[in-house]
Amino acid sequence: MTRIERIGADWKDGNKMDGEETPQAGKRLWYVWDYDIDEETFQAMLDGKVTRGRLGRDWAAVRLLNYAPYPEIVRRLGLSALLRDWSRWRDKLRMKERRRGIDFVVEWLPKHHSEWVQTNGQ
């Protein structure tokens, strides 16, 4: 079984991984070190439920995409949101290598594993 097949075996509704933890109030994420934002608030920002001034969903997504490892990006954001909103976030990524990697996923995944991509508007 290849790595991508194993990841695919772990999907559930919303294209997030099984066994994902509930965000914890007060727990700080290392890639949000320079803001007073805990894990629960950051996840609420990613979900579009919370904004803090100019910091909202797009800011949180770009921060996640710039610094978090790929499995955490998928777990927190979900593939559907990544595929849907990638064009809006793409040019805001700092590292061209990361941009190229996500470009590949966004192009390849719908062509080869459309069953993992929700098409019901979520």
PDB file of N, CA and C in Angstrom:
ATOM      1  N   MET A   1       0.856  -1.174   0.000  1.00  0.00           N
ATOM      2  CA  MET A   1       0.000   0.000   0.000  1.00  0.00           C
ATOM      3  C   MET A   1       0.902   1.237   0.000  1.00  0.00           C
ATOM      4  N   THR A   2       0.660   2.137  -0.939  1.00  0.00           N
ATOM      5  CA  THR A   2       1.468   3.357  -1.004  1.00  0.00           C
ATOM      6  C   THR A   2       1.024   4.338   0.063  1.00  0.00           C
ATOM      7  N   ARG A   3       1.845   5.331   0.291  1.00  0.00           N
ATOM      8  CA  ARG A   3       1.543   6.352   1.303  1.00  0.00           C
ATOM      9  C   ARG A   3       0.214   7.040   1.008  1.00  0.00           C
ATOM     10  N   ILE A   4      -0.014   7.412  -0.233  1.00  0.00           N
ATOM     11  CA  ILE A   4      -1.243   8.131  -0.562  1.00  0.00           C
ATOM     12  C   ILE A   4      -2.463   7.238  -0.345  1.00  0.00           C
ATOM     13  N   GLU A   5      -2.352   5.941  -0.608  1.00  0.00           N
ATOM     14  CA  GLU A   5      -3.476   5.043  -0.350  1.00  0.00           C
ATOM     15  C   GLU A   5      -3.788   4.983   1.137  1.00  0.00           C
ATOM     16  N   ARG A   6      -2.763   4.965   1.966  1.00  0.00           N
ATOM     17  CA  ARG A   6      -2.972   4.914   3.415  1.00  0.00           C
ATOM     18  C   ARG A   6      -3.655   6.184   3.901  1.00  0.00           C
ATOM     19  N   ILE A   7      -3.213   7.314   3.403  1.00  0.00           N
ATOM     20  CA  ILE A   7      -3.854   8.570   3.793  1.00  0.00           C
ATOM     21  C   ILE A   7      -5.312   8.540   3.363  1.00  0.00           C
ATOM     22  N   GLY A   8      -5.572   8.059   2.156  1.00  0.00           N
ATOM     23  CA  GLY A   8      -6.939   7.985   1.662  1.00  0.00           C
ATOM     24  C   GLY A   8      -7.824   7.094   2.505  1.00  0.00           C
ATOM     25  N   ALA A   9      -7.255   6.088   3.111  1.00  0.00           N
ATOM     26  CA  ALA A   9      -8.036   5.174   3.942  1.00  0.00           C
ATOM     27  C   ALA A   9      -8.516   5.830   5.226  1.00  0.00           C
ATOM     28  N   ASP A  10      -7.923   6.947   5.585  1.00  0.00           N
ATOM     29  CA  ASP A  10      -8.255   7.610   6.841  1.00  0.00           C
ATOM     30  C   ASP A  10      -9.272   8.742   6.697  1.00  0.00           C
ATOM     31  N   TRP A  11      -9.804   8.983   5.512  1.00  0.00           N
ATOM     32  CA  TRP A  11     -10.715  10.117   5.329  1.00  0.00           C
ATOM     33  C   TRP A  11     -12.085   9.832   5.920  1.00  0.00           C
ATOM     34  N   LYS A  12     -12.723  10.895   6.323  1.00  0.00           N
ATOM     35  CA  LYS A  12     -14.115  10.821   6.753  1.00  0.00           C
ATOM     36  C   LYS A  12     -14.836  12.025   6.180  1.00  0.00           C
ATOM     37  N   ASP A  13     -16.054  12.295   6.600  1.00  0.00           N
ATOM     38  CA  ASP A  13     -16.797  13.445   6.087  1.00  0.00           C
ATOM     39  C   ASP A  13     -15.986  14.709   6.255  1.00  0.00           C
ATOM     40  N   GLY A  14     -16.022  15.547   5.238  1.00  0.00           N
ATOM     41  CA  GLY A  14     -15.299  16.805   5.285  1.00  0.00           C
ATOM     42  C   GLY A  14     -13.840  16.667   4.875  1.00  0.00           C
ATOM     43  N   ASN A  15     -13.430  15.468   4.488  1.00  0.00           N
ATOM     44  CA  ASN A  15     -12.061  15.212   4.050  1.00  0.00           C
ATOM     45  C   ASN A  15     -11.026  15.559   5.098  1.00  0.00           C
ATOM     46  N   LYS A  16     -11.339  15.334   6.340  1.00  0.00           N
ATOM     47  CA  LYS A  16     -10.356  15.460   7.408  1.00  0.00           C
ATOM     48  C   LYS A  16     -10.061  14.063   7.915  1.00  0.00           C
ATOM     49  N   MET A  17      -8.940  13.889   8.559  1.00  0.00           N
ATOM     50  CA  MET A  17      -8.516  12.548   8.940  1.00  0.00           C
ATOM     51  C   MET A  17      -9.236  12.040  10.179  1.00  0.00           C
ATOM     52  N   ASP A  18      -9.488  10.732  10.199  1.00  0.00           N
ATOM     53  CA  ASP A  18     -10.039  10.086  11.385  1.00  0.00           C
ATOM     54  C   ASP A  18      -9.078  10.270  12.545  1.00  0.00           C
ATOM     55  N   GLY A  19      -9.617  10.315  13.727  1.00  0.00           N
ATOM     56  CA  GLY A  19      -8.777  10.423  14.910  1.00  0.00           C
ATOM     57  C   GLY A  19      -8.274  11.827  15.164  1.00  0.00           C
ATOM     58  N   GLU A  20      -8.789  12.810  14.431  1.00  0.00           N
ATOM     59  CA  GLU A  20      -8.315  14.161  14.668  1.00  0.00           C
ATOM     60  C   GLU A  20      -8.745  14.617  16.055  1.00  0.00           C
ATOM     61  N   GLU A  21      -7.893  15.388  16.663  1.00  0.00           N
ATOM     62  CA  GLU A  21      -8.169  15.857  18.013  1.00  0.00           C
ATOM     63  C   GLU A  21      -9.022  17.114  17.971  1.00  0.00           C
ATOM     64  N   THR A  22      -9.786  17.328  19.015  1.00  0.00           N
ATOM     65  CA  THR A  22     -10.537  18.556  19.163  1.00  0.00           C
ATOM     66  C   THR A  22      -9.568  19.652  19.577  1.00  0.00           C
ATOM     67  N   PRO A  23      -9.638  20.832  18.942  1.00  0.00           N
ATOM     68  CA  PRO A  23      -8.738  21.913  19.342  1.00  0.00           C
ATOM     69  C   PRO A  23      -8.889  22.233  20.825  1.00  0.00           C
ATOM     70  N   GLN A  24      -7.774  22.539  21.452  1.00  0.00           N
ATOM     71  CA  GLN A  24      -7.767  22.788  22.887  1.00  0.00           C
ATOM     72  C   GLN A  24      -7.627  24.280  23.183  1.00  0.00           C
ATOM     73  N   ALA A  25      -8.487  24.772  24.062  1.00  0.00           N
ATOM     74  CA  ALA A  25      -8.381  26.160  24.503  1.00  0.00           C
ATOM     75  C   ALA A  25      -7.091  26.317  25.286  1.00  0.00           C
ATOM     76  N   GLY A  26      -6.363  27.371  25.019  1.00  0.00           N
ATOM     77  CA  GLY A  26      -5.140  27.659  25.757  1.00  0.00           C
ATOM     78  C   GLY A  26      -3.889  27.043  25.163  1.00  0.00           C
ATOM     79  N   LYS A  27      -4.021  25.970  24.386  1.00  0.00           N
ATOM     80  CA  LYS A  27      -2.850  25.341  23.765  1.00  0.00           C
ATOM     81  C   LYS A  27      -2.388  26.206  22.594  1.00  0.00           C
ATOM     82  N   ARG A  28      -1.090  26.480  22.552  1.00  0.00           N
ATOM     83  CA  ARG A  28      -0.539  27.328  21.494  1.00  0.00           C
ATOM     84  C   ARG A  28       0.065  26.465  20.395  1.00  0.00           C
ATOM     85  N   LEU A  29      -0.120  26.863  19.177  1.00  0.00           N
ATOM     86  CA  LEU A  29       0.472  26.187  18.027  1.00  0.00           C
ATOM     87  C   LEU A  29       1.799  26.853  17.703  1.00  0.00           C
ATOM     88  N   TRP A  30       2.817  26.067  17.415  1.00  0.00           N
ATOM     89  CA  TRP A  30       4.156  26.624  17.218  1.00  0.00           C
ATOM     90  C   TRP A  30       4.228  27.566  16.030  1.00  0.00           C
ATOM     91  N   TYR A  31       3.398  27.378  15.033  1.00  0.00           N
ATOM     92  CA  TYR A  31       3.468  28.239  13.849  1.00  0.00           C
ATOM     93  C   TYR A  31       2.629  29.513  13.988  1.00  0.00           C
ATOM     94  N   VAL A  32       2.067  29.730  15.159  1.00  0.00           N
ATOM     95  CA  VAL A  32       1.381  30.994  15.451  1.00  0.00           C
ATOM     96  C   VAL A  32       2.054  31.622  16.675  1.00  0.00           C
ATOM     97  N   TRP A  33       3.355  31.444  16.772  1.00  0.00           N
ATOM     98  CA  TRP A  33       4.137  31.870  17.938  1.00  0.00           C
ATOM     99  C   TRP A  33       4.084  33.371  18.178  1.00  0.00           C
ATOM    100  N   ASP A  34       3.911  34.156  17.142  1.00  0.00           N
ATOM    101  CA  ASP A  34       4.003  35.607  17.258  1.00  0.00           C
ATOM    102  C   ASP A  34       2.657  36.296  17.485  1.00  0.00           C
ATOM    103  N   TYR A  35       1.614  35.532  17.705  1.00  0.00           N
ATOM    104  CA  TYR A  35       0.286  36.082  17.987  1.00  0.00           C
ATOM    105  C   TYR A  35      -0.270  35.418  19.238  1.00  0.00           C
ATOM    106  N   ASP A  36      -1.089  36.148  19.957  1.00  0.00           N
ATOM    107  CA  ASP A  36      -1.729  35.602  21.154  1.00  0.00           C
ATOM    108  C   ASP A  36      -3.025  34.900  20.734  1.00  0.00           C
ATOM    109  N   ILE A  37      -2.852  33.778  20.041  1.00  0.00           N
ATOM    110  CA  ILE A  37      -3.978  33.006  19.519  1.00  0.00           C
ATOM    111  C   ILE A  37      -3.769  31.554  19.914  1.00  0.00           C
ATOM    112  N   ASP A  38      -4.742  30.993  20.623  1.00  0.00           N
ATOM    113  CA  ASP A  38      -4.611  29.584  21.019  1.00  0.00           C
ATOM    114  C   ASP A  38      -5.142  28.673  19.907  1.00  0.00           C
ATOM    115  N   GLU A  39      -4.976  27.382  20.105  1.00  0.00           N
ATOM    116  CA  GLU A  39      -5.345  26.399  19.087  1.00  0.00           C
ATOM    117  C   GLU A  39      -6.833  26.458  18.742  1.00  0.00           C
ATOM    118  N   GLU A  40      -7.659  26.579  19.753  1.00  0.00           N
ATOM    119  CA  GLU A  40      -9.106  26.609  19.531  1.00  0.00           C
ATOM    120  C   GLU A  40      -9.510  27.822  18.688  1.00  0.00           C
ATOM    121  N   THR A  41      -8.941  28.981  18.992  1.00  0.00           N
ATOM    122  CA  THR A  41      -9.247  30.197  18.239  1.00  0.00           C
ATOM    123  C   THR A  41      -8.725  30.095  16.813  1.00  0.00           C
ATOM    124  N   PHE A  42      -7.514  29.560  16.655  1.00  0.00           N
ATOM    125  CA  PHE A  42      -6.939  29.402  15.317  1.00  0.00           C
ATOM    126  C   PHE A  42      -7.822  28.492  14.463  1.00  0.00           C
ATOM    127  N   GLN A  43      -8.285  27.390  15.029  1.00  0.00           N
ATOM    128  CA  GLN A  43      -9.154  26.486  14.278  1.00  0.00           C
ATOM    129  C   GLN A  43     -10.472  27.173  13.932  1.00  0.00           C
ATOM    130  N   ALA A  44     -11.006  27.959  14.857  1.00  0.00           N
ATOM    131  CA  ALA A  44     -12.240  28.700  14.577  1.00  0.00           C
ATOM    132  C   ALA A  44     -12.019  29.704  13.447  1.00  0.00           C
ATOM    133  N   MET A  45     -10.829  30.296  13.384  1.00  0.00           N
ATOM    134  CA  MET A  45     -10.498  31.195  12.272  1.00  0.00           C
ATOM    135  C   MET A  45     -10.479  30.414  10.956  1.00  0.00           C
ATOM    136  N   LEU A  46      -9.828  29.255  10.961  1.00  0.00           N
ATOM    137  CA  LEU A  46      -9.785  28.422   9.752  1.00  0.00           C
ATOM    138  C   LEU A  46     -11.182  28.012   9.310  1.00  0.00           C
ATOM    139  N   ASP A  47     -12.056  27.790  10.264  1.00  0.00           N
ATOM    140  CA  ASP A  47     -13.434  27.393   9.961  1.00  0.00           C
ATOM    141  C   ASP A  47     -14.312  28.579   9.576  1.00  0.00           C
ATOM    142  N   GLY A  48     -13.749  29.799   9.618  1.00  0.00           N
ATOM    143  CA  GLY A  48     -14.495  30.996   9.249  1.00  0.00           C
ATOM    144  C   GLY A  48     -15.459  31.475  10.313  1.00  0.00           C
ATOM    145  N   LYS A  49     -15.258  31.060  11.558  1.00  0.00           N
ATOM    146  CA  LYS A  49     -16.179  31.413  12.641  1.00  0.00           C
ATOM    147  C   LYS A  49     -15.698  32.596  13.472  1.00  0.00           C
ATOM    148  N   VAL A  50     -14.399  32.935  13.380  1.00  0.00           N
ATOM    149  CA  VAL A  50     -13.817  33.986  14.216  1.00  0.00           C
ATOM    150  C   VAL A  50     -12.884  34.844  13.374  1.00  0.00           C
ATOM    151  N   THR A  51     -12.911  36.143  13.613  1.00  0.00           N
ATOM    152  CA  THR A  51     -11.902  37.047  13.058  1.00  0.00           C
ATOM    153  C   THR A  51     -11.381  37.916  14.189  1.00  0.00           C
ATOM    154  N   ARG A  52     -10.151  38.360  14.029  1.00  0.00           N
ATOM    155  CA  ARG A  52      -9.539  39.296  14.979  1.00  0.00           C
ATOM    156  C   ARG A  52      -8.922  40.416  14.163  1.00  0.00           C
ATOM    157  N   GLY A  53      -9.678  41.490  13.992  1.00  0.00           N
ATOM    158  CA  GLY A  53      -9.201  42.573  13.139  1.00  0.00           C
ATOM    159  C   GLY A  53      -9.034  42.066  11.717  1.00  0.00           C
ATOM    160  N   ARG A  54      -7.829  42.225  11.172  1.00  0.00           N
ATOM    161  CA  ARG A  54      -7.559  41.762   9.807  1.00  0.00           C
ATOM    162  C   ARG A  54      -7.253  40.268   9.743  1.00  0.00           C
ATOM    163  N   LEU A  55      -7.149  39.637  10.901  1.00  0.00           N
ATOM    164  CA  LEU A  55      -6.824  38.212  10.954  1.00  0.00           C
ATOM    165  C   LEU A  55      -8.107  37.387  10.912  1.00  0.00           C
ATOM    166  N   GLY A  56      -8.267  36.665   9.831  1.00  0.00           N
ATOM    167  CA  GLY A  56      -9.451  35.834   9.661  1.00  0.00           C
ATOM    168  C   GLY A  56      -9.093  34.530   8.986  1.00  0.00           C
ATOM    169  N   ARG A  57     -10.031  33.992   8.258  1.00  0.00           N
ATOM    170  CA  ARG A  57      -9.842  32.679   7.637  1.00  0.00           C
ATOM    171  C   ARG A  57      -8.682  32.660   6.652  1.00  0.00           C
ATOM    172  N   ASP A  58      -8.612  33.654   5.777  1.00  0.00           N
ATOM    173  CA  ASP A  58      -7.527  33.667   4.794  1.00  0.00           C
ATOM    174  C   ASP A  58      -6.166  33.782   5.469  1.00  0.00           C
ATOM    175  N   TRP A  59      -6.054  34.641   6.463  1.00  0.00           N
ATOM    176  CA  TRP A  59      -4.780  34.776   7.183  1.00  0.00           C
ATOM    177  C   TRP A  59      -4.399  33.448   7.836  1.00  0.00           C
ATOM    178  N   ALA A  60      -5.355  32.816   8.508  1.00  0.00           N
ATOM    179  CA  ALA A  60      -5.071  31.550   9.193  1.00  0.00           C
ATOM    180  C   ALA A  60      -4.685  30.462   8.189  1.00  0.00           C
ATOM    181  N   ALA A  61      -5.372  30.418   7.065  1.00  0.00           N
ATOM    182  CA  ALA A  61      -5.054  29.405   6.052  1.00  0.00           C
ATOM    183  C   ALA A  61      -3.657  29.615   5.484  1.00  0.00           C
ATOM    184  N   VAL A  62      -3.301  30.846   5.191  1.00  0.00           N
ATOM    185  CA  VAL A  62      -1.965  31.129   4.658  1.00  0.00           C
ATOM    186  C   VAL A  62      -0.901  30.805   5.698  1.00  0.00           C
ATOM    187  N   ARG A  63      -1.149  31.131   6.947  1.00  0.00           N
ATOM    188  CA  ARG A  63      -0.197  30.790   8.015  1.00  0.00           C
ATOM    189  C   ARG A  63      -0.020  29.275   8.095  1.00  0.00           C
ATOM    190  N   LEU A  64      -1.116  28.551   8.067  1.00  0.00           N
ATOM    191  CA  LEU A  64      -1.072  27.089   8.102  1.00  0.00           C
ATOM    192  C   LEU A  64      -0.314  26.541   6.892  1.00  0.00           C
ATOM    193  N   LEU A  65      -0.651  27.031   5.712  1.00  0.00           N
ATOM    194  CA  LEU A  65      -0.017  26.549   4.485  1.00  0.00           C
ATOM    195  C   LEU A  65       1.475  26.863   4.440  1.00  0.00           C
ATOM    196  N   ASN A  66       1.875  27.981   5.010  1.00  0.00           N
ATOM    197  CA  ASN A  66       3.288  28.360   5.016  1.00  0.00           C
ATOM    198  C   ASN A  66       4.128  27.520   5.963  1.00  0.00           C
ATOM    199  N   TYR A  67       3.578  27.132   7.097  1.00  0.00           N
ATOM    200  CA  TYR A  67       4.420  26.580   8.155  1.00  0.00           C
ATOM    201  C   TYR A  67       4.084  25.171   8.636  1.00  0.00           C
ATOM    202  N   ALA A  68       2.858  24.747   8.527  1.00  0.00           N
ATOM    203  CA  ALA A  68       2.475  23.442   9.090  1.00  0.00           C
ATOM    204  C   ALA A  68       2.879  22.303   8.155  1.00  0.00           C
ATOM    205  N   PRO A  69       3.123  21.124   8.711  1.00  0.00           N
ATOM    206  CA  PRO A  69       3.368  19.955   7.864  1.00  0.00           C
ATOM    207  C   PRO A  69       2.096  19.568   7.103  1.00  0.00           C
ATOM    208  N   TYR A  70       2.279  18.924   5.960  1.00  0.00           N
ATOM    209  CA  TYR A  70       1.155  18.584   5.095  1.00  0.00           C
ATOM    210  C   TYR A  70       0.027  17.833   5.808  1.00  0.00           C
ATOM    211  N   PRO A  71       0.309  16.799   6.599  1.00  0.00           N
ATOM    212  CA  PRO A  71      -0.807  16.100   7.266  1.00  0.00           C
ATOM    213  C   PRO A  71      -1.638  17.030   8.160  1.00  0.00           C
ATOM    214  N   GLU A  72      -0.992  17.992   8.791  1.00  0.00           N
ATOM    215  CA  GLU A  72      -1.738  18.929   9.634  1.00  0.00           C
ATOM    216  C   GLU A  72      -2.563  19.893   8.790  1.00  0.00           C
ATOM    217  N   ILE A  73      -2.039  20.286   7.639  1.00  0.00           N
ATOM    218  CA  ILE A  73      -2.807  21.136   6.726  1.00  0.00           C
ATOM    219  C   ILE A  73      -4.101  20.426   6.345  1.00  0.00           C
ATOM    220  N   VAL A  74      -3.989  19.172   5.961  1.00  0.00           N
ATOM    221  CA  VAL A  74      -5.170  18.406   5.547  1.00  0.00           C
ATOM    222  C   VAL A  74      -6.117  18.203   6.723  1.00  0.00           C
ATOM    223  N   ARG A  75      -5.576  17.904   7.884  1.00  0.00           N
ATOM    224  CA  ARG A  75      -6.412  17.661   9.062  1.00  0.00           C
ATOM    225  C   ARG A  75      -7.171  18.914   9.474  1.00  0.00           C
ATOM    226  N   ARG A  76      -6.510  20.041   9.481  1.00  0.00           N
ATOM    227  CA  ARG A  76      -7.147  21.275   9.958  1.00  0.00           C
ATOM    228  C   ARG A  76      -8.018  21.950   8.903  1.00  0.00           C
ATOM    229  N   LEU A  77      -7.575  21.930   7.671  1.00  0.00           N
ATOM    230  CA  LEU A  77      -8.268  22.663   6.615  1.00  0.00           C
ATOM    231  C   LEU A  77      -9.212  21.766   5.817  1.00  0.00           C
ATOM    232  N   GLY A  78      -8.786  20.550   5.546  1.00  0.00           N
ATOM    233  CA  GLY A  78      -9.562  19.639   4.711  1.00  0.00           C
ATOM    234  C   GLY A  78      -9.213  19.824   3.245  1.00  0.00           C
ATOM    235  N   LEU A  79      -9.270  18.740   2.504  1.00  0.00           N
ATOM    236  CA  LEU A  79      -8.923  18.811   1.084  1.00  0.00           C
ATOM    237  C   LEU A  79      -9.910  19.641   0.280  1.00  0.00           C
ATOM    238  N   SER A  80     -11.175  19.551   0.593  1.00  0.00           N
ATOM    239  CA  SER A  80     -12.170  20.310  -0.172  1.00  0.00           C
ATOM    240  C   SER A  80     -11.884  21.801  -0.120  1.00  0.00           C
ATOM    241  N   ALA A  81     -11.603  22.312   1.069  1.00  0.00           N
ATOM    242  CA  ALA A  81     -11.300  23.740   1.207  1.00  0.00           C
ATOM    243  C   ALA A  81      -9.996  24.088   0.503  1.00  0.00           C
ATOM    244  N   LEU A  82      -9.005  23.220   0.613  1.00  0.00           N
ATOM    245  CA  LEU A  82      -7.729  23.474  -0.051  1.00  0.00           C
ATOM    246  C   LEU A  82      -7.918  23.557  -1.563  1.00  0.00           C
ATOM    247  N   LEU A  83      -8.619  22.608  -2.124  1.00  0.00           N
ATOM    248  CA  LEU A  83      -8.852  22.612  -3.570  1.00  0.00           C
ATOM    249  C   LEU A  83      -9.692  23.810  -4.002  1.00  0.00           C
ATOM    250  N   ARG A  84     -10.696  24.133  -3.235  1.00  0.00           N
ATOM    251  CA  ARG A  84     -11.612  25.221  -3.582  1.00  0.00           C
ATOM    252  C   ARG A  84     -10.951  26.593  -3.491  1.00  0.00           C
ATOM    253  N   ASP A  85     -10.141  26.810  -2.450  1.00  0.00           N
ATOM    254  CA  ASP A  85      -9.633  28.156  -2.174  1.00  0.00           C
ATOM    255  C   ASP A  85      -8.153  28.351  -2.482  1.00  0.00           C
ATOM    256  N   TRP A  86      -7.497  27.334  -3.015  1.00  0.00           N
ATOM    257  CA  TRP A  86      -6.061  27.410  -3.266  1.00  0.00           C
ATOM    258  C   TRP A  86      -5.688  28.617  -4.123  1.00  0.00           C
ATOM    259  N   SER A  87      -6.427  28.915  -5.155  1.00  0.00           N
ATOM    260  CA  SER A  87      -6.064  30.029  -6.043  1.00  0.00           C
ATOM    261  C   SER A  87      -6.039  31.362  -5.290  1.00  0.00           C
ATOM    262  N   ARG A  88      -6.837  31.494  -4.263  1.00  0.00           N
ATOM    263  CA  ARG A  88      -6.867  32.726  -3.469  1.00  0.00           C
ATOM    264  C   ARG A  88      -5.655  32.827  -2.544  1.00  0.00           C
ATOM    265  N   TRP A  89      -5.128  31.703  -2.090  1.00  0.00           N
ATOM    266  CA  TRP A  89      -4.024  31.697  -1.128  1.00  0.00           C
ATOM    267  C   TRP A  89      -2.661  31.513  -1.780  1.00  0.00           C
ATOM    268  N   ARG A  90      -2.616  30.955  -2.964  1.00  0.00           N
ATOM    269  CA  ARG A  90      -1.382  30.509  -3.605  1.00  0.00           C
ATOM    270  C   ARG A  90      -0.274  31.558  -3.604  1.00  0.00           C
ATOM    271  N   ASP A  91      -0.562  32.744  -4.084  1.00  0.00           N
ATOM    272  CA  ASP A  91       0.476  33.770  -4.231  1.00  0.00           C
ATOM    273  C   ASP A  91       0.938  34.360  -2.904  1.00  0.00           C
ATOM    274  N   LYS A  92       0.297  33.989  -1.823  1.00  0.00           N
ATOM    275  CA  LYS A  92       0.689  34.503  -0.507  1.00  0.00           C
ATOM    276  C   LYS A  92       1.667  33.582   0.218  1.00  0.00           C
ATOM    277  N   LEU A  93       1.963  32.424  -0.369  1.00  0.00           N
ATOM    278  CA  LEU A  93       2.923  31.518   0.258  1.00  0.00           C
ATOM    279  C   LEU A  93       4.340  32.022   0.030  1.00  0.00           C
ATOM    280  N   ARG A  94       5.162  31.875   1.048  1.00  0.00           N
ATOM    281  CA  ARG A  94       6.522  32.396   1.007  1.00  0.00           C
ATOM    282  C   ARG A  94       7.479  31.510   0.225  1.00  0.00           C
ATOM    283  N   MET A  95       7.324  30.210   0.342  1.00  0.00           N
ATOM    284  CA  MET A  95       8.290  29.289  -0.258  1.00  0.00           C
ATOM    285  C   MET A  95       7.760  28.730  -1.576  1.00  0.00           C
ATOM    286  N   LYS A  96       8.536  28.917  -2.639  1.00  0.00           N
ATOM    287  CA  LYS A  96       8.090  28.419  -3.946  1.00  0.00           C
ATOM    288  C   LYS A  96       7.974  26.897  -3.956  1.00  0.00           C
ATOM    289  N   GLU A  97       8.804  26.213  -3.169  1.00  0.00           N
ATOM    290  CA  GLU A  97       8.735  24.757  -3.115  1.00  0.00           C
ATOM    291  C   GLU A  97       7.401  24.288  -2.545  1.00  0.00           C
ATOM    292  N   ARG A  98       6.947  24.971  -1.518  1.00  0.00           N
ATOM    293  CA  ARG A  98       5.659  24.613  -0.924  1.00  0.00           C
ATOM    294  C   ARG A  98       4.531  24.910  -1.906  1.00  0.00           C
ATOM    295  N   ARG A  99       4.620  26.051  -2.592  1.00  0.00           N
ATOM    296  CA  ARG A  99       3.630  26.401  -3.613  1.00  0.00           C
ATOM    297  C   ARG A  99       3.566  25.324  -4.695  1.00  0.00           C
ATOM    298  N   ARG A 100       4.725  24.900  -5.164  1.00  0.00           N
ATOM    299  CA  ARG A 100       4.781  23.882  -6.212  1.00  0.00           C
ATOM    300  C   ARG A 100       4.212  22.555  -5.720  1.00  0.00           C
ATOM    301  N   GLY A 101       4.501  22.195  -4.478  1.00  0.00           N
ATOM    302  CA  GLY A 101       3.976  20.951  -3.928  1.00  0.00           C
ATOM    303  C   GLY A 101       2.465  20.949  -3.835  1.00  0.00           C
ATOM    304  N   ILE A 102       1.913  22.051  -3.360  1.00  0.00           N
ATOM    305  CA  ILE A 102       0.449  22.125  -3.238  1.00  0.00           C
ATOM    306  C   ILE A 102      -0.192  22.280  -4.616  1.00  0.00           C
ATOM    307  N   ASP A 103       0.483  22.990  -5.536  1.00  0.00           N
ATOM    308  CA  ASP A 103      -0.005  23.040  -6.923  1.00  0.00           C
ATOM    309  C   ASP A 103      -0.192  21.627  -7.467  1.00  0.00           C
ATOM    310  N   PHE A 104       0.796  20.776  -7.206  1.00  0.00           N
ATOM    311  CA  PHE A 104       0.731  19.396  -7.680  1.00  0.00           C
ATOM    312  C   PHE A 104      -0.484  18.677  -7.085  1.00  0.00           C
ATOM    313  N   VAL A 105      -0.653  18.786  -5.778  1.00  0.00           N
ATOM    314  CA  VAL A 105      -1.777  18.112  -5.113  1.00  0.00           C
ATOM    315  C   VAL A 105      -3.107  18.606  -5.673  1.00  0.00           C
ATOM    316  N   VAL A 106      -3.237  19.920  -5.821  1.00  0.00           N
ATOM    317  CA  VAL A 106      -4.491  20.518  -6.287  1.00  0.00           C
ATOM    318  C   VAL A 106      -4.807  20.096  -7.723  1.00  0.00           C
ATOM    319  N   GLU A 107      -3.784  19.917  -8.532  1.00  0.00           N
ATOM    320  CA  GLU A 107      -4.006  19.471  -9.909  1.00  0.00           C
ATOM    321  C   GLU A 107      -4.190  17.954  -9.997  1.00  0.00           C
ATOM    322  N   TRP A 108      -3.391  17.206  -9.268  1.00  0.00           N
ATOM    323  CA  TRP A 108      -3.360  15.750  -9.390  1.00  0.00           C
ATOM    324  C   TRP A 108      -4.550  15.066  -8.720  1.00  0.00           C
ATOM    325  N   LEU A 109      -4.890  15.502  -7.529  1.00  0.00           N
ATOM    326  CA  LEU A 109      -5.887  14.791  -6.734  1.00  0.00           C
ATOM    327  C   LEU A 109      -7.249  14.654  -7.417  1.00  0.00           C
ATOM    328  N   PRO A 110      -7.828  15.729  -7.941  1.00  0.00           N
ATOM    329  CA  PRO A 110      -9.141  15.560  -8.583  1.00  0.00           C
ATOM    330  C   PRO A 110      -9.108  14.633  -9.801  1.00  0.00           C
ATOM    331  N   LYS A 111      -7.980  14.591 -10.491  1.00  0.00           N
ATOM    332  CA  LYS A 111      -7.871  13.740 -11.682  1.00  0.00           C
ATOM    333  C   LYS A 111      -7.733  12.262 -11.328  1.00  0.00           C
ATOM    334  N   HIS A 112      -7.044  11.975 -10.232  1.00  0.00           N
ATOM    335  CA  HIS A 112      -6.715  10.593  -9.906  1.00  0.00           C
ATOM    336  C   HIS A 112      -7.514  10.007  -8.738  1.00  0.00           C
ATOM    337  N   HIS A 113      -8.060  10.859  -7.902  1.00  0.00           N
ATOM    338  CA  HIS A 113      -8.840  10.379  -6.749  1.00  0.00           C
ATOM    339  C   HIS A 113     -10.026  11.307  -6.499  1.00  0.00           C
ATOM    340  N   SER A 114     -10.882  11.399  -7.481  1.00  0.00           N
ATOM    341  CA  SER A 114     -12.039  12.290  -7.349  1.00  0.00           C
ATOM    342  C   SER A 114     -12.963  11.861  -6.215  1.00  0.00           C
ATOM    343  N   GLU A 115     -12.889  10.589  -5.808  1.00  0.00           N
ATOM    344  CA  GLU A 115     -13.734  10.125  -4.698  1.00  0.00           C
ATOM    345  C   GLU A 115     -13.360  10.789  -3.380  1.00  0.00           C
ATOM    346  N   TRP A 116     -12.173  11.362  -3.289  1.00  0.00           N
ATOM    347  CA  TRP A 116     -11.743  12.043  -2.064  1.00  0.00           C
ATOM    348  C   TRP A 116     -12.160  13.505  -2.044  1.00  0.00           C
ATOM    349  N   VAL A 117     -12.641  13.977  -3.164  1.00  0.00           N
ATOM    350  CA  VAL A 117     -12.970  15.390  -3.295  1.00  0.00           C
ATOM    351  C   VAL A 117     -14.476  15.543  -3.238  1.00  0.00           C
ATOM    352  N   GLN A 118     -14.954  16.293  -2.257  1.00  0.00           N
ATOM    353  CA  GLN A 118     -16.393  16.523  -2.148  1.00  0.00           C
ATOM    354  C   GLN A 118     -16.821  17.490  -3.233  1.00  0.00           C
ATOM    355  N   THR A 119     -17.944  17.212  -3.837  1.00  0.00           N
ATOM    356  CA  THR A 119     -18.456  18.092  -4.885  1.00  0.00           C
ATOM    357  C   THR A 119     -19.796  18.698  -4.497  1.00  0.00           C
ATOM    358  N   ASN A 120     -20.165  18.564  -3.238  1.00  0.00           N
ATOM    359  CA  ASN A 120     -21.477  19.048  -2.803  1.00  0.00           C
ATOM    360  C   ASN A 120     -21.415  20.453  -2.229  1.00  0.00           C
ATOM    361  N   GLY A 121     -20.357  21.213  -2.566  1.00  0.00           N
ATOM    362  CA  GLY A 121     -20.281  22.589  -2.120  1.00  0.00           C
ATOM    363  C   GLY A 121     -19.684  22.784  -0.753  1.00  0.00           C
ATOM    364  N   GLN A 122     -19.227  21.730  -0.104  1.00  0.00           N
ATOM    365  CA  GLN A 122     -18.632  21.873   1.224  1.00  0.00           C
ATOM    366  C   GLN A 122     -17.156  22.122   1.113  1.00  0.00           C
TER     367      GLN A 122
END
